């Protein structure tokens, strides 16, 4: 899988299965956003933000703080 290999090179020492599951989760959730009510759209957007930030950084505590401040603000 060329795409998974390039993702693992980008993210470092992470298994290909994890990256594919993450990619499918984000893609499916993003596709559902227009069909949800405003309340659930906000929750799903924050969840996607948390998933993305914790995936991109090894400092998951920092990512959760940023997502929490985005939810409040």
N, C-alpha and C. Protein backbone atom coordinates (compact mmCIF):
# COMPACT_ATOMS: atom_id res chain seq x y z
N UNK A 1 0.84 -1.18 0.00
CA UNK A 1 0.00 0.00 0.00
C UNK A 1 0.89 1.24 0.00
N UNK A 2 0.93 1.88 -1.11
CA UNK A 2 1.81 3.03 -1.27
C UNK A 2 1.35 4.18 -0.37
N UNK A 3 0.04 4.42 -0.32
CA UNK A 3 -0.46 5.53 0.48
C UNK A 3 -0.16 5.33 1.96
N UNK A 4 -0.37 4.12 2.46
CA UNK A 4 -0.08 3.84 3.86
C UNK A 4 1.41 3.95 4.15
N UNK A 5 2.24 3.54 3.21
CA UNK A 5 3.68 3.67 3.40
C UNK A 5 4.09 5.13 3.50
N UNK A 6 3.51 5.97 2.65
CA UNK A 6 3.87 7.39 2.70
C UNK A 6 3.36 8.03 3.99
N UNK A 7 2.19 7.57 4.47
CA UNK A 7 1.68 8.09 5.74
C UNK A 7 2.58 7.68 6.89
N UNK A 8 3.03 6.43 6.88
CA UNK A 8 3.89 5.98 7.97
C UNK A 8 5.23 6.70 7.94
N UNK A 9 5.70 7.05 6.77
CA UNK A 9 6.94 7.85 6.70
C UNK A 9 6.70 9.24 7.28
N UNK A 10 5.52 9.80 7.02
CA UNK A 10 5.21 11.14 7.52
C UNK A 10 5.03 11.15 9.02
N UNK A 11 4.27 10.17 9.56
CA UNK A 11 3.98 10.15 10.99
C UNK A 11 5.03 9.42 11.81
N UNK A 12 5.91 8.72 11.17
CA UNK A 12 6.97 8.05 11.92
C UNK A 12 6.63 6.61 12.24
N UNK A 13 6.93 6.19 13.44
CA UNK A 13 6.82 4.79 13.85
C UNK A 13 5.40 4.46 14.30
N UNK A 14 4.47 4.41 13.35
CA UNK A 14 3.09 4.09 13.64
C UNK A 14 2.67 2.99 12.66
N UNK A 15 1.88 2.05 13.13
CA UNK A 15 1.50 0.93 12.26
C UNK A 15 0.58 1.41 11.14
N UNK A 16 0.65 0.73 10.01
CA UNK A 16 -0.18 1.08 8.86
C UNK A 16 -1.66 0.87 9.15
N UNK A 17 -2.00 -0.15 9.93
CA UNK A 17 -3.39 -0.40 10.26
C UNK A 17 -3.99 0.77 11.02
N UNK A 18 -3.25 1.30 11.98
CA UNK A 18 -3.73 2.44 12.75
C UNK A 18 -3.97 3.64 11.85
N UNK A 19 -3.06 3.89 10.93
CA UNK A 19 -3.20 5.04 10.04
C UNK A 19 -4.40 4.89 9.11
N UNK A 20 -4.63 3.69 8.61
CA UNK A 20 -5.79 3.48 7.73
C UNK A 20 -7.10 3.62 8.49
N UNK A 21 -7.15 3.10 9.72
CA UNK A 21 -8.35 3.25 10.54
C UNK A 21 -8.59 4.73 10.85
N UNK A 22 -7.53 5.45 11.17
CA UNK A 22 -7.65 6.88 11.44
C UNK A 22 -8.16 7.62 10.21
N UNK A 23 -7.61 7.31 9.05
CA UNK A 23 -8.02 7.97 7.82
C UNK A 23 -9.47 7.67 7.50
N UNK A 24 -9.90 6.42 7.64
CA UNK A 24 -11.29 6.07 7.38
C UNK A 24 -12.24 6.73 8.38
N UNK A 25 -11.84 6.81 9.63
CA UNK A 25 -12.68 7.45 10.65
C UNK A 25 -12.88 8.92 10.35
N UNK A 26 -11.80 9.61 10.03
CA UNK A 26 -11.90 11.04 9.74
C UNK A 26 -12.70 11.28 8.47
N UNK A 27 -12.48 10.48 7.45
CA UNK A 27 -13.20 10.65 6.19
C UNK A 27 -14.70 10.39 6.36
N UNK A 28 -15.05 9.34 7.08
CA UNK A 28 -16.47 9.02 7.30
C UNK A 28 -17.14 10.09 8.15
N UNK A 29 -16.47 10.51 9.19
CA UNK A 29 -17.05 11.54 10.07
C UNK A 29 -17.21 12.86 9.34
N UNK A 30 -16.25 13.21 8.52
CA UNK A 30 -16.33 14.45 7.76
C UNK A 30 -17.49 14.40 6.77
N UNK A 31 -17.72 13.25 6.18
CA UNK A 31 -18.83 13.10 5.24
C UNK A 31 -20.18 13.22 5.94
N UNK A 32 -20.24 12.88 7.22
CA UNK A 32 -21.51 12.93 7.95
C UNK A 32 -21.86 14.32 8.46
N UNK A 33 -20.90 15.21 8.56
CA UNK A 33 -21.13 16.53 9.17
C UNK A 33 -22.30 17.30 8.54
N UNK A 34 -22.43 17.38 7.23
CA UNK A 34 -23.55 18.17 6.67
C UNK A 34 -24.93 17.62 7.00
N UNK A 35 -25.04 16.34 7.34
CA UNK A 35 -26.34 15.72 7.57
C UNK A 35 -26.77 15.76 9.03
N UNK A 36 -25.95 16.30 9.90
CA UNK A 36 -26.26 16.32 11.33
C UNK A 36 -26.86 17.66 11.75
N UNK A 37 -27.55 17.64 12.88
CA UNK A 37 -28.06 18.89 13.43
C UNK A 37 -26.89 19.70 13.98
N UNK A 38 -27.14 20.97 14.29
CA UNK A 38 -26.07 21.85 14.77
C UNK A 38 -25.39 21.31 16.02
N UNK A 39 -26.18 20.77 16.93
CA UNK A 39 -25.64 20.27 18.19
C UNK A 39 -24.63 19.15 17.94
N UNK A 40 -25.03 18.16 17.18
CA UNK A 40 -24.15 17.01 16.92
C UNK A 40 -23.02 17.37 15.97
N UNK A 41 -23.25 18.35 15.12
CA UNK A 41 -22.20 18.81 14.21
C UNK A 41 -21.03 19.38 15.00
N UNK A 42 -21.32 20.12 16.06
CA UNK A 42 -20.27 20.69 16.90
C UNK A 42 -19.49 19.59 17.63
N UNK A 43 -20.22 18.61 18.18
CA UNK A 43 -19.55 17.51 18.88
C UNK A 43 -18.65 16.72 17.94
N UNK A 44 -19.13 16.43 16.74
CA UNK A 44 -18.34 15.66 15.79
C UNK A 44 -17.13 16.46 15.31
N UNK A 45 -17.30 17.75 15.14
CA UNK A 45 -16.17 18.59 14.72
C UNK A 45 -15.09 18.61 15.79
N UNK A 46 -15.49 18.73 17.04
CA UNK A 46 -14.51 18.72 18.14
C UNK A 46 -13.84 17.35 18.24
N UNK A 47 -14.61 16.29 18.06
CA UNK A 47 -14.03 14.94 18.09
C UNK A 47 -13.00 14.77 16.98
N UNK A 48 -13.31 15.25 15.79
CA UNK A 48 -12.35 15.18 14.69
C UNK A 48 -11.10 16.00 14.98
N UNK A 49 -11.29 17.14 15.60
CA UNK A 49 -10.15 17.97 15.98
C UNK A 49 -9.25 17.24 16.98
N UNK A 50 -9.86 16.60 17.96
CA UNK A 50 -9.08 15.85 18.95
C UNK A 50 -8.35 14.69 18.29
N UNK A 51 -9.04 13.94 17.44
CA UNK A 51 -8.40 12.82 16.75
C UNK A 51 -7.22 13.29 15.92
N UNK A 52 -7.41 14.37 15.19
CA UNK A 52 -6.35 14.87 14.32
C UNK A 52 -5.17 15.38 15.13
N UNK A 53 -5.44 16.15 16.17
CA UNK A 53 -4.33 16.70 16.95
C UNK A 53 -3.56 15.63 17.72
N UNK A 54 -4.27 14.65 18.25
CA UNK A 54 -3.55 13.60 18.97
C UNK A 54 -2.78 12.70 18.01
N UNK A 55 -3.21 12.65 16.76
CA UNK A 55 -2.47 11.86 15.77
C UNK A 55 -1.23 12.58 15.28
N UNK A 56 -1.33 13.87 15.16
CA UNK A 56 -0.22 14.64 14.60
C UNK A 56 0.87 14.95 15.61
N UNK A 57 0.53 14.95 16.88
CA UNK A 57 1.53 15.30 17.89
C UNK A 57 1.64 14.18 18.92
N UNK A 58 2.80 14.03 19.46
CA UNK A 58 2.97 13.02 20.50
C UNK A 58 2.54 13.54 21.85
N UNK A 59 2.25 14.80 21.92
CA UNK A 59 1.81 15.40 23.19
C UNK A 59 0.29 15.45 23.22
N UNK A 60 -0.33 14.34 23.57
CA UNK A 60 -1.79 14.26 23.54
C UNK A 60 -2.44 15.17 24.57
N UNK A 61 -1.76 15.47 25.66
CA UNK A 61 -2.32 16.37 26.66
C UNK A 61 -2.46 17.78 26.08
N UNK A 62 -1.46 18.22 25.35
CA UNK A 62 -1.52 19.53 24.69
C UNK A 62 -2.65 19.56 23.67
N UNK A 63 -2.82 18.48 22.92
CA UNK A 63 -3.87 18.43 21.92
C UNK A 63 -5.26 18.48 22.57
N UNK A 64 -5.42 17.81 23.69
CA UNK A 64 -6.70 17.85 24.39
C UNK A 64 -6.99 19.24 24.96
N UNK A 65 -5.94 19.92 25.43
CA UNK A 65 -6.14 21.28 25.93
C UNK A 65 -6.55 22.22 24.81
N UNK A 66 -5.95 22.08 23.65
CA UNK A 66 -6.30 22.93 22.52
C UNK A 66 -7.74 22.65 22.07
N UNK A 67 -8.10 21.38 22.02
CA UNK A 67 -9.47 21.02 21.63
C UNK A 67 -10.48 21.53 22.65
N UNK A 68 -10.14 21.46 23.93
CA UNK A 68 -11.03 21.97 24.96
C UNK A 68 -11.21 23.48 24.87
N UNK A 69 -10.14 24.18 24.58
CA UNK A 69 -10.25 25.63 24.45
C UNK A 69 -11.03 26.00 23.19
N UNK A 70 -10.94 25.18 22.14
CA UNK A 70 -11.72 25.44 20.92
C UNK A 70 -13.21 25.22 21.19
N UNK A 71 -13.52 24.24 22.03
CA UNK A 71 -14.93 23.98 22.37
C UNK A 71 -15.50 25.12 23.20
N UNK A 72 -14.72 25.64 24.13
CA UNK A 72 -15.19 26.73 24.99
C UNK A 72 -15.32 28.03 24.19
N UNK A 73 -14.32 28.30 23.35
CA UNK A 73 -14.29 29.54 22.59
C UNK A 73 -15.09 29.46 21.38
